[in-house]
PDB file of N, CA and C in Angstrom:
ATOM      1  N   MET A   1      -7.953  17.490 -56.776  1.00  0.00           N
ATOM      2  CA  MET A   1      -8.986  16.651 -57.407  1.00  0.00           C
ATOM      3  C   MET A   1      -9.294  17.440 -58.480  1.00  0.00           C
ATOM      4  N   LYS A   2     -10.293  16.607 -59.487  1.00  0.00           N
ATOM      5  CA  LYS A   2     -11.692  17.330 -59.443  1.00  0.00           C
ATOM      6  C   LYS A   2     -12.161  15.574 -59.883  1.00  0.00           C
ATOM      7  N   ILE A   3     -13.108  15.999 -60.264  1.00  0.00           N
ATOM      8  CA  ILE A   3     -14.274  15.276 -60.470  1.00  0.00           C
ATOM      9  C   ILE A   3     -14.450  15.327 -62.122  1.00  0.00           C
ATOM     10  N   GLY A   4     -15.336  14.100 -62.566  1.00  0.00           N
ATOM     11  CA  GLY A   4     -15.054  13.741 -64.465  1.00  0.00           C
ATOM     12  C   GLY A   4     -16.002  12.290 -64.107  1.00  0.00           C
ATOM     13  N   LYS A   5     -16.076  12.137 -65.452  1.00  0.00           N
ATOM     14  CA  LYS A   5     -17.483  11.236 -66.386  1.00  0.00           C
ATOM     15  C   LYS A   5     -16.308  10.638 -66.961  1.00  0.00           C
ATOM     16  N   VAL A   6     -15.799   9.363 -67.308  1.00  0.00           N
ATOM     17  CA  VAL A   6     -15.587   8.244 -68.360  1.00  0.00           C
ATOM     18  C   VAL A   6     -16.277   8.054 -69.587  1.00  0.00           C
ATOM     19  N   ILE A   7     -15.347   8.642 -70.174  1.00  0.00           N
ATOM     20  CA  ILE A   7     -16.922   8.549 -71.313  1.00  0.00           C
ATOM     21  C   ILE A   7     -16.348   7.886 -72.693  1.00  0.00           C
ATOM     22  N   GLY A   8     -14.704   7.956 -72.239  1.00  0.00           N
ATOM     23  CA  GLY A   8     -14.575   6.516 -73.394  1.00  0.00           C
ATOM     24  C   GLY A   8     -13.201   5.696 -73.109  1.00  0.00           C
ATOM     25  N   ASN A   9     -12.182   4.940 -74.000  1.00  0.00           N
ATOM     26  CA  ASN A   9     -11.055   4.067 -73.299  1.00  0.00           C
ATOM     27  C   ASN A   9     -10.297   4.417 -74.713  1.00  0.00           C
ATOM     28  N   VAL A  10      -8.945   4.740 -74.144  1.00  0.00           N
ATOM     29  CA  VAL A  10      -7.914   5.182 -75.422  1.00  0.00           C
ATOM     30  C   VAL A  10      -6.770   3.563 -75.295  1.00  0.00           C
ATOM     31  N   TRP A  11      -6.382   3.278 -76.344  1.00  0.00           N
ATOM     32  CA  TRP A  11      -6.264   1.703 -77.511  1.00  0.00           C
ATOM     33  C   TRP A  11      -5.148   2.541 -77.930  1.00  0.00           C
ATOM     34  N   ALA A  12      -3.408   2.083 -77.674  1.00  0.00           N
ATOM     35  CA  ALA A  12      -2.376   2.453 -77.591  1.00  0.00           C
ATOM     36  C   ALA A  12      -2.187   1.536 -77.244  1.00  0.00           C
ATOM     37  N   THR A  13      -1.599   0.432 -79.049  1.00  0.00           N
ATOM     38  CA  THR A  13      -0.584  -0.263 -79.126  1.00  0.00           C
ATOM     39  C   THR A  13       1.354   0.029 -79.256  1.00  0.00           C
ATOM     40  N   ARG A  14       1.474   1.643 -79.674  1.00  0.00           N
ATOM     41  CA  ARG A  14       3.249   1.824 -78.928  1.00  0.00           C
ATOM     42  C   ARG A  14       3.011   2.647 -78.170  1.00  0.00           C
ATOM     43  N   LYS A  15       4.064   2.076 -77.025  1.00  0.00           N
ATOM     44  CA  LYS A  15       4.187   3.307 -75.849  1.00  0.00           C
ATOM     45  C   LYS A  15       5.383   2.999 -75.698  1.00  0.00           C
ATOM     46  N   SER A  16       5.246   4.324 -74.745  1.00  0.00           N
ATOM     47  CA  SER A  16       6.615   3.834 -73.545  1.00  0.00           C
ATOM     48  C   SER A  16       7.100   3.170 -72.612  1.00  0.00           C
ATOM     49  N   ASN A  17       7.484   1.882 -72.592  1.00  0.00           N
ATOM     50  CA  ASN A  17       7.868   0.404 -71.410  1.00  0.00           C
ATOM     51  C   ASN A  17       7.297   0.515 -69.740  1.00  0.00           C
ATOM     52  N   ASN A  18       7.402   2.578 -69.591  1.00  0.00           N
ATOM     53  CA  ASN A  18       6.792   2.577 -68.736  1.00  0.00           C
ATOM     54  C   ASN A  18       5.410   2.059 -67.878  1.00  0.00           C
ATOM     55  N   LEU A  19       4.617   2.315 -69.788  1.00  0.00           N
ATOM     56  CA  LEU A  19       2.993   2.082 -69.563  1.00  0.00           C
ATOM     57  C   LEU A  19       2.057   1.363 -70.162  1.00  0.00           C
ATOM     58  N   ASN A  20       2.801  -0.647 -69.895  1.00  0.00           N
ATOM     59  CA  ASN A  20       2.941  -1.101 -70.091  1.00  0.00           C
ATOM     60  C   ASN A  20       2.040  -1.735 -68.507  1.00  0.00           C
ATOM     61  N   GLY A  21       0.569  -2.390 -69.427  1.00  0.00           N
ATOM     62  CA  GLY A  21      -0.293  -3.307 -67.912  1.00  0.00           C
ATOM     63  C   GLY A  21      -1.250  -1.577 -68.044  1.00  0.00           C
ATOM     64  N   TYR A  22      -1.079  -0.326 -68.105  1.00  0.00           N
ATOM     65  CA  TYR A  22      -2.282   1.101 -67.880  1.00  0.00           C
ATOM     66  C   TYR A  22      -3.498   0.773 -68.979  1.00  0.00           C
ATOM     67  N   LYS A  23      -4.633   1.283 -68.113  1.00  0.00           N
ATOM     68  CA  LYS A  23      -5.647   0.738 -68.598  1.00  0.00           C
ATOM     69  C   LYS A  23      -5.624   2.595 -68.884  1.00  0.00           C
ATOM     70  N   PHE A  24      -5.734   3.407 -70.548  1.00  0.00           N
ATOM     71  CA  PHE A  24      -6.223   4.494 -70.232  1.00  0.00           C
ATOM     72  C   PHE A  24      -7.957   4.857 -70.502  1.00  0.00           C
ATOM     73  N   LEU A  25      -8.177   5.977 -69.743  1.00  0.00           N
ATOM     74  CA  LEU A  25      -9.244   6.743 -70.227  1.00  0.00           C
ATOM     75  C   LEU A  25      -9.880   8.261 -70.715  1.00  0.00           C
ATOM     76  N   VAL A  26     -10.538   8.248 -71.625  1.00  0.00           N
ATOM     77  CA  VAL A  26     -11.094   9.465 -71.654  1.00  0.00           C
ATOM     78  C   VAL A  26     -12.579   9.987 -70.830  1.00  0.00           C
ATOM     79  N   ILE A  27     -11.772  10.722 -70.668  1.00  0.00           N
ATOM     80  CA  ILE A  27     -12.781  12.147 -68.568  1.00  0.00           C
ATOM     81  C   ILE A  27     -12.222  12.996 -69.246  1.00  0.00           C
ATOM     82  N   GLU A  28     -14.350  13.299 -69.005  1.00  0.00           N
ATOM     83  CA  GLU A  28     -14.611  14.457 -69.409  1.00  0.00           C
ATOM     84  C   GLU A  28     -15.480  15.125 -67.804  1.00  0.00           C
ATOM     85  N   LEU A  29     -14.122  16.544 -67.714  1.00  0.00           N
ATOM     86  CA  LEU A  29     -14.221  16.364 -66.074  1.00  0.00           C
ATOM     87  C   LEU A  29     -15.115  17.920 -66.631  1.00  0.00           C
ATOM     88  N   GLU A  30     -16.803  18.128 -65.080  1.00  0.00           N
ATOM     89  CA  GLU A  30     -17.177  19.464 -64.774  1.00  0.00           C
ATOM     90  C   GLU A  30     -17.810  20.498 -65.466  1.00  0.00           C
ATOM     91  N   ASP A  31     -16.303  20.715 -66.293  1.00  0.00           N
ATOM     92  CA  ASP A  31     -15.498  21.444 -66.584  1.00  0.00           C
ATOM     93  C   ASP A  31     -16.346  21.104 -68.003  1.00  0.00           C
ATOM     94  N   SER A  32     -16.182  20.596 -68.846  1.00  0.00           N
ATOM     95  CA  SER A  32     -16.335  19.914 -70.100  1.00  0.00           C
ATOM     96  C   SER A  32     -15.355  19.616 -70.553  1.00  0.00           C
ATOM     97  N   GLU A  33     -14.347  19.784 -70.153  1.00  0.00           N
ATOM     98  CA  GLU A  33     -13.002  19.520 -70.374  1.00  0.00           C
ATOM     99  C   GLU A  33     -12.803  18.033 -70.750  1.00  0.00           C
ATOM    100  N   LYS A  34     -11.785  17.827 -71.984  1.00  0.00           N
ATOM    101  CA  LYS A  34     -11.756  16.067 -72.113  1.00  0.00           C
ATOM    102  C   LYS A  34     -10.708  15.606 -72.161  1.00  0.00           C
ATOM    103  N   ILE A  35      -9.668  14.773 -70.400  1.00  0.00           N
ATOM    104  CA  ILE A  35      -8.976  14.654 -71.172  1.00  0.00           C
ATOM    105  C   ILE A  35      -8.291  13.548 -71.006  1.00  0.00           C
ATOM    106  N   VAL A  36      -7.509  12.538 -70.856  1.00  0.00           N
ATOM    107  CA  VAL A  36      -6.852  10.653 -70.731  1.00  0.00           C
ATOM    108  C   VAL A  36      -5.898  10.673 -69.700  1.00  0.00           C
ATOM    109  N   ALA A  37      -6.292  10.314 -69.122  1.00  0.00           N
ATOM    110  CA  ALA A  37      -6.205   9.966 -67.573  1.00  0.00           C
ATOM    111  C   ALA A  37      -5.901   8.307 -66.920  1.00  0.00           C
ATOM    112  N   CYS A  38      -4.143   7.735 -66.258  1.00  0.00           N
ATOM    113  CA  CYS A  38      -5.132   6.455 -66.654  1.00  0.00           C
ATOM    114  C   CYS A  38      -5.312   5.533 -64.861  1.00  0.00           C
ATOM    115  N   ASP A  39      -5.614   4.697 -65.077  1.00  0.00           N
ATOM    116  CA  ASP A  39      -6.483   4.061 -64.418  1.00  0.00           C
ATOM    117  C   ASP A  39      -5.422   3.090 -63.802  1.00  0.00           C
ATOM    118  N   ASN A  40      -6.123   2.415 -63.367  1.00  0.00           N
ATOM    119  CA  ASN A  40      -5.398   1.438 -62.089  1.00  0.00           C
ATOM    120  C   ASN A  40      -6.243   0.178 -61.202  1.00  0.00           C
ATOM    121  N   ILE A  41      -7.312   0.717 -61.521  1.00  0.00           N
ATOM    122  CA  ILE A  41      -8.114   0.552 -59.902  1.00  0.00           C
ATOM    123  C   ILE A  41      -9.824   0.574 -60.738  1.00  0.00           C
ATOM    124  N   GLY A  42     -10.009   0.639 -62.125  1.00  0.00           N
ATOM    125  CA  GLY A  42     -11.045  -0.375 -62.549  1.00  0.00           C
ATOM    126  C   GLY A  42     -12.174   0.205 -62.789  1.00  0.00           C
ATOM    127  N   ALA A  43     -12.060   1.892 -63.742  1.00  0.00           N
ATOM    128  CA  ALA A  43     -12.587   2.580 -63.552  1.00  0.00           C
ATOM    129  C   ALA A  43     -13.602   2.235 -64.860  1.00  0.00           C
ATOM    130  N   GLY A  44     -15.024   1.948 -65.218  1.00  0.00           N
ATOM    131  CA  GLY A  44     -14.671   2.447 -67.115  1.00  0.00           C
ATOM    132  C   GLY A  44     -15.886   3.628 -67.599  1.00  0.00           C
ATOM    133  N   GLU A  45     -16.770   2.578 -68.946  1.00  0.00           N
ATOM    134  CA  GLU A  45     -17.178   3.134 -69.053  1.00  0.00           C
ATOM    135  C   GLU A  45     -18.496   3.826 -68.316  1.00  0.00           C
ATOM    136  N   GLY A  46     -18.718   5.180 -68.194  1.00  0.00           N
ATOM    137  CA  GLY A  46     -19.952   5.915 -67.012  1.00  0.00           C
ATOM    138  C   GLY A  46     -19.882   6.135 -66.354  1.00  0.00           C
ATOM    139  N   ASP A  47     -19.033   5.721 -65.791  1.00  0.00           N
ATOM    140  CA  ASP A  47     -18.477   6.540 -63.868  1.00  0.00           C
ATOM    141  C   ASP A  47     -17.654   7.973 -63.711  1.00  0.00           C
ATOM    142  N   ARG A  48     -18.520   7.792 -63.052  1.00  0.00           N
ATOM    143  CA  ARG A  48     -18.126   9.327 -61.917  1.00  0.00           C
ATOM    144  C   ARG A  48     -16.539   9.275 -61.377  1.00  0.00           C
ATOM    145  N   VAL A  49     -15.260   9.646 -60.975  1.00  0.00           N
ATOM    146  CA  VAL A  49     -14.041   9.619 -60.661  1.00  0.00           C
ATOM    147  C   VAL A  49     -13.725  10.551 -60.603  1.00  0.00           C
ATOM    148  N   LEU A  50     -13.319  10.378 -59.728  1.00  0.00           N
ATOM    149  CA  LEU A  50     -12.263  11.422 -58.915  1.00  0.00           C
ATOM    150  C   LEU A  50     -10.379  11.124 -59.706  1.00  0.00           C
ATOM    151  N   VAL A  51     -10.016  12.009 -59.998  1.00  0.00           N
ATOM    152  CA  VAL A  51      -8.986  12.273 -60.776  1.00  0.00           C
ATOM    153  C   VAL A  51      -7.938  13.374 -60.296  1.00  0.00           C
ATOM    154  N   THR A  52      -6.193  13.234 -59.691  1.00  0.00           N
ATOM    155  CA  THR A  52      -5.088  13.484 -59.733  1.00  0.00           C
ATOM    156  C   THR A  52      -4.666  14.368 -60.969  1.00  0.00           C
ATOM    157  N   LEU A  53      -4.161  15.005 -60.986  1.00  0.00           N
ATOM    158  CA  LEU A  53      -3.381  16.177 -62.247  1.00  0.00           C
ATOM    159  C   LEU A  53      -2.396  16.627 -61.381  1.00  0.00           C
ATOM    160  N   GLY A  54      -1.314  16.110 -62.591  1.00  0.00           N
ATOM    161  CA  GLY A  54       0.331  16.465 -61.874  1.00  0.00           C
ATOM    162  C   GLY A  54       0.843  15.737 -61.683  1.00  0.00           C
ATOM    163  N   SER A  55       2.206  16.429 -61.313  1.00  0.00           N
ATOM    164  CA  SER A  55       2.694  15.101 -60.992  1.00  0.00           C
ATOM    165  C   SER A  55       3.164  14.591 -59.976  1.00  0.00           C
ATOM    166  N   GLY A  56       2.015  14.654 -59.386  1.00  0.00           N
ATOM    167  CA  GLY A  56       1.418  13.340 -58.439  1.00  0.00           C
ATOM    168  C   GLY A  56       0.914  12.110 -58.569  1.00  0.00           C
ATOM    169  N   ALA A  57       0.520  12.641 -59.257  1.00  0.00           N
ATOM    170  CA  ALA A  57      -0.292  11.593 -59.945  1.00  0.00           C
ATOM    171  C   ALA A  57       0.313  10.460 -60.876  1.00  0.00           C
ATOM    172  N   ARG A  58       2.013  10.317 -60.604  1.00  0.00           N
ATOM    173  CA  ARG A  58       2.823   9.264 -60.215  1.00  0.00           C
ATOM    174  C   ARG A  58       2.277   8.476 -59.310  1.00  0.00           C
ATOM    175  N   LYS A  59       2.491   9.655 -58.162  1.00  0.00           N
ATOM    176  CA  LYS A  59       2.266   8.339 -57.276  1.00  0.00           C
ATOM    177  C   LYS A  59       1.646   7.820 -56.542  1.00  0.00           C
ATOM    178  N   GLY A  60       0.239   7.537 -57.340  1.00  0.00           N
ATOM    179  CA  GLY A  60      -0.634   6.066 -57.141  1.00  0.00           C
ATOM    180  C   GLY A  60       0.011   5.165 -58.068  1.00  0.00           C
ATOM    181  N   THR A  61       1.174   5.263 -58.284  1.00  0.00           N
ATOM    182  CA  THR A  61       1.178   4.467 -59.562  1.00  0.00           C
ATOM    183  C   THR A  61       2.302   3.621 -58.586  1.00  0.00           C
ATOM    184  N   TYR A  62       2.901   3.603 -57.589  1.00  0.00           N
ATOM    185  CA  TYR A  62       4.195   3.392 -57.452  1.00  0.00           C
ATOM    186  C   TYR A  62       5.226   2.531 -58.007  1.00  0.00           C
ATOM    187  N   ASP A  63       5.147   4.002 -59.183  1.00  0.00           N
ATOM    188  CA  ASP A  63       6.633   3.674 -60.245  1.00  0.00           C
ATOM    189  C   ASP A  63       6.227   5.244 -60.389  1.00  0.00           C
ATOM    190  N   GLU A  64       7.876   6.369 -60.403  1.00  0.00           N
ATOM    191  CA  GLU A  64       8.733   7.514 -60.714  1.00  0.00           C
ATOM    192  C   GLU A  64       8.242   7.984 -61.950  1.00  0.00           C
ATOM    193  N   ASN A  65       8.632   7.218 -62.577  1.00  0.00           N
ATOM    194  CA  ASN A  65       8.977   6.440 -63.128  1.00  0.00           C
ATOM    195  C   ASN A  65       8.064   6.043 -64.558  1.00  0.00           C
ATOM    196  N   VAL A  66       7.008   6.848 -64.438  1.00  0.00           N
ATOM    197  CA  VAL A  66       6.156   6.352 -65.051  1.00  0.00           C
ATOM    198  C   VAL A  66       4.918   7.719 -65.580  1.00  0.00           C
ATOM    199  N   PRO A  67       5.262   7.833 -66.623  1.00  0.00           N
ATOM    200  CA  PRO A  67       5.064   9.376 -67.749  1.00  0.00           C
ATOM    201  C   PRO A  67       3.441   9.600 -67.290  1.00  0.00           C
ATOM    202  N   ILE A  68       2.735  10.385 -66.229  1.00  0.00           N
ATOM    203  CA  ILE A  68       2.043  10.779 -66.921  1.00  0.00           C
ATOM    204  C   ILE A  68       1.661  11.990 -65.474  1.00  0.00           C
ATOM    205  N   ASP A  69       0.511  12.155 -66.139  1.00  0.00           N
ATOM    206  CA  ASP A  69      -0.006  13.595 -65.309  1.00  0.00           C
ATOM    207  C   ASP A  69      -1.347  13.459 -64.781  1.00  0.00           C
ATOM    208  N   SER A  70      -1.885  12.349 -65.152  1.00  0.00           N
ATOM    209  CA  SER A  70      -3.968  12.240 -64.775  1.00  0.00           C
ATOM    210  C   SER A  70      -3.554  11.000 -64.325  1.00  0.00           C
ATOM    211  N   LEU A  71      -4.625  10.243 -63.059  1.00  0.00           N
ATOM    212  CA  LEU A  71      -4.422   8.942 -62.909  1.00  0.00           C
ATOM    213  C   LEU A  71      -6.077  10.122 -62.187  1.00  0.00           C
ATOM    214  N   VAL A  72      -6.395   8.487 -62.623  1.00  0.00           N
ATOM    215  CA  VAL A  72      -7.726   8.165 -61.126  1.00  0.00           C
ATOM    216  C   VAL A  72      -7.758   7.195 -60.559  1.00  0.00           C
ATOM    217  N   ILE A  73      -8.206   8.188 -59.469  1.00  0.00           N
ATOM    218  CA  ILE A  73      -8.197   7.549 -58.143  1.00  0.00           C
ATOM    219  C   ILE A  73      -9.645   6.692 -57.439  1.00  0.00           C
ATOM    220  N   GLY A  74     -10.895   7.273 -57.702  1.00  0.00           N
ATOM    221  CA  GLY A  74     -11.185   6.328 -57.005  1.00  0.00           C
ATOM    222  C   GLY A  74     -12.980   6.788 -58.002  1.00  0.00           C
ATOM    223  N   ILE A  75     -13.615   6.511 -58.292  1.00  0.00           N
ATOM    224  CA  ILE A  75     -15.112   5.608 -58.316  1.00  0.00           C
ATOM    225  C   ILE A  75     -15.499   6.284 -57.502  1.00  0.00           C
ATOM    226  N   ILE A  76     -16.739   7.586 -57.408  1.00  0.00           N
ATOM    227  CA  ILE A  76     -18.013   8.348 -57.343  1.00  0.00           C
ATOM    228  C   ILE A  76     -18.595   7.125 -56.607  1.00  0.00           C
ATOM    229  N   ASP A  77     -19.384   6.736 -55.479  1.00  0.00           N
ATOM    230  CA  ASP A  77     -20.958   6.042 -55.202  1.00  0.00           C
ATOM    231  C   ASP A  77     -21.949   7.734 -54.807  1.00  0.00           C
ATOM    232  N   GLU A  78     -21.524   8.079 -54.827  1.00  0.00           N
ATOM    233  CA  GLU A  78     -22.550   9.524 -54.237  1.00  0.00           C
ATOM    234  C   GLU A  78     -21.893  11.134 -53.678  1.00  0.00           C
ATOM    235  N   ILE A  79     -22.544  12.348 -54.344  1.00  0.00           N
ATOM    236  CA  ILE A  79     -22.134  13.494 -54.390  1.00  0.00           C
ATOM    237  C   ILE A  79     -23.390  13.476 -52.937  1.00  0.00           C
ATOM    238  N   GLU A  80     -22.470  14.400 -52.084  1.00  0.00           N
ATOM    239  CA  GLU A  80     -23.887  15.129 -51.171  1.00  0.00           C
ATOM    240  C   GLU A  80     -23.196  16.061 -50.853  1.00  0.00           C
ATOM    241  N   GLU A  81     -23.909  17.481 -51.725  1.00  0.00           N
ATOM    242  CA  GLU A  81     -23.713  18.822 -51.099  1.00  0.00           C
ATOM    243  C   GLU A  81     -24.442  20.011 -50.425  1.00  0.00           C
ATOM    244  N   LYS A  82     -23.357  19.903 -49.652  1.00  0.00           N
ATOM    245  CA  LYS A  82     -24.408  21.169 -48.395  1.00  0.00           C
ATOM    246  C   LYS A  82     -23.534  22.056 -48.396  1.00  0.00           C
ATOM    247  N   GLY A  83     -25.047  23.434 -47.438  1.00  0.00           N
ATOM    248  CA  GLY A  83     -25.229  24.668 -47.986  1.00  0.00           C
ATOM    249  C   GLY A  83     -25.646  25.343 -48.614  1.00  0.00           C
ATOM    250  N   GLY A  84     -25.616  26.577 -49.541  1.00  0.00           N
ATOM    251  CA  GLY A  84     -27.280  27.263 -49.841  1.00  0.00           C
ATOM    252  C   GLY A  84     -27.822  28.445 -48.995  1.00  0.00           C
ATOM    253  N   GLU A  85     -28.661  29.067 -49.251  1.00  0.00           N
ATOM    254  CA  GLU A  85     -30.029  29.973 -48.091  1.00  0.00           C
ATOM    255  C   GLU A  85     -30.329  29.023 -46.861  1.00  0.00           C
ATOM    256  N   ASP A  86     -30.217  27.990 -47.595  1.00  0.00           N
ATOM    257  CA  ASP A  86     -31.317  27.219 -45.563  1.00  0.00           C
ATOM    258  C   ASP A  86     -30.177  27.219 -44.678  1.00  0.00           C
ATOM    259  N   GLU A  87     -29.560  26.982 -44.985  1.00  0.00           N
ATOM    260  CA  GLU A  87     -28.448  26.593 -43.044  1.00  0.00           C
ATOM    261  C   GLU A  87     -28.221  28.257 -42.754  1.00  0.00           C
TER     262      GLU A  87
END
């Protein structure tokens, strides 16, 4: 999984029939890489999200025939990091 921020939408009027009904988002990952991810949980612009990559992304759609390799699987409310010299 990777953490990213939704920075835009992708509109495609012509696409594989298996993709009908899915929303596509432009996600900027923490390393500044930009990807397009399928979204079926309702993330929106500005949201920080969890993204799964690779062929496992199809498992989140419950349809093994969906031709995707990135999927938004969570909207992040908060990140708490622990560690460092104080511990």
